[in-house]
Every structure is written in C-alpha cells, then in structure tokens.
Protein backbone atom coordinates (compact mmCIF):
# COMPACT_ATOMS: atom_id res chain seq x y z
CA MET A 1 -28.56 4.80 -12.18
CA VAL A 2 -27.89 1.58 -9.72
CA GLY A 3 -25.79 -0.09 -12.62
CA THR A 4 -23.54 3.38 -12.85
CA ILE A 5 -22.88 3.66 -8.99
CA LEU A 6 -21.88 0.06 -9.10
CA GLN A 7 -19.41 0.83 -11.97
CA ALA A 8 -17.80 3.52 -9.79
CA VAL A 9 -17.33 1.73 -6.79
CA ALA A 10 -15.69 -0.98 -8.72
CA LEU A 11 -13.79 1.69 -10.59
CA GLY A 12 -12.71 3.10 -7.27
CA LYS A 13 -11.28 -0.50 -5.57
CA LEU A 14 -9.50 -1.00 -9.25
CA ALA A 15 -7.83 2.60 -8.99
CA GLY A 16 -7.09 2.14 -5.49
CA ALA A 17 -5.46 -1.59 -6.07
CA LEU A 18 -3.63 -0.15 -9.32
CA GLY A 19 -2.09 2.70 -6.71
CA ALA A 20 -0.93 0.19 -4.05
CA GLY A 21 0.67 -1.44 -6.63
CA ILE A 22 2.42 1.51 -8.35
CA VAL A 23 3.36 2.47 -4.77
CA ALA A 24 5.07 -0.53 -3.81
CA ILE A 25 6.53 -0.55 -7.20
CA ALA A 26 8.00 3.05 -6.93
CA ALA A 27 9.13 2.26 -3.32
CA ALA A 28 11.18 -0.68 -4.72
CA PHE A 29 12.84 1.30 -7.32
CA GLY A 30 13.86 4.24 -4.94
CA ILE A 31 15.27 1.66 -2.81
CA GLY A 32 17.10 -0.21 -5.69
CA LYS A 33 18.73 3.18 -6.94
CA LEU A 34 19.39 3.90 -3.47
CA ALA A 35 21.66 0.78 -3.09
CA GLN A 36 23.07 1.35 -6.38
CA TYR A 37 24.54 4.54 -5.72
CA THR A 38 25.42 3.56 -2.21
CA MET A 39 27.53 0.76 -3.60
CA GLU A 40 29.14 2.93 -6.63
CA ALA A 41 30.26 5.70 -3.68
CA SER A 42 31.66 3.01 -1.16
CA ALA A 43 33.47 1.25 -4.17
CA ARG A 44 35.33 5.31 -5.03
CA GLN A 45 36.16 6.05 -1.37
CA PRO A 46 35.96 2.72 0.78
CA GLU A 47 36.94 4.69 3.96
CA ILE A 48 33.59 6.51 4.26
CA SER A 49 31.48 3.38 3.65
CA GLY A 50 30.61 2.99 7.39
CA GLY A 51 28.65 6.51 7.22
CA LEU A 52 27.08 5.77 3.70
CA ARG A 53 26.04 2.50 5.00
CA THR A 54 23.74 4.03 7.77
CA THR A 55 23.05 6.85 5.90
CA ALA A 56 21.32 4.37 3.16
CA ILE A 57 19.68 2.53 5.74
CA ILE A 58 18.12 5.64 7.38
CA ILE A 59 16.99 6.80 4.11
CA GLY A 60 15.91 3.13 3.10
CA ALA A 61 13.83 3.15 6.41
CA LEU A 62 11.93 6.19 5.31
CA ILE A 63 11.31 5.39 1.91
CA GLU A 64 9.80 2.15 3.54
CA GLY A 65 7.66 4.53 6.07
CA VAL A 66 6.22 6.29 2.83
CA CYS A 67 5.52 3.26 0.88
CA LEU A 68 3.77 1.97 3.75
CA PHE A 69 1.71 5.03 4.24
CA GLY A 70 0.91 4.97 0.24
CA VAL A 71 -0.33 1.57 0.60
CA ILE A 72 -2.49 1.77 3.56
CA VAL A 73 -3.88 4.73 1.99
CA CYS A 74 -4.73 2.97 -1.43
CA LEU A 75 -6.41 -0.18 0.51
CA LEU A 76 -8.37 1.92 2.85
CA ALA A 77 -9.86 3.54 -0.24
CA VAL A 78 -10.68 0.00 -1.54
CA LEU A 79 -12.06 -0.86 1.51
CA GLN A 80 -14.48 2.52 1.55
CA SER A 81 -15.65 2.21 -1.84
C-alpha cells in the first residue's frame, strides 16, 4: 500500500517535470515559427516591417506569458505531490 502511494507520488513528480519541459519546448517552437513568418513577410513587403515587428513582439510576449503560467502549474504539481 505504501509502495503504491510512493510510486504514484513519484509518477506525479515525473509528469509535472515532463509537462514543464514540453511547455517550454512548445513555446520555443511557437516563437521560432513566429520569427520565421515575420521575417518572410518583412522580406516580401519591407515597407510594413515596422508594424510586423511590433505585432511579433506583442505575440511573442503573449506566448511567453502562457509558457510561464504552464511551467508554474507544472512545477506546482511537482511540489504538491
């Protein structure tokens, strides 16, 4: 009985740690795609590159905010279990 509970706790900590890693990797992938498409769009229409840059910075900040919340939730899951 005690061994099963300890295994569940260990599994919960592992899941939280993996979740935090997946959130961070997904955010990095999303920001990379954002930068890629922003560069492509500014290469096609250089006259709107300033507006694209501003929009990309705002979207990048929103992605980072969601990533931060996701990592905090996962790490809280690790600390709670």
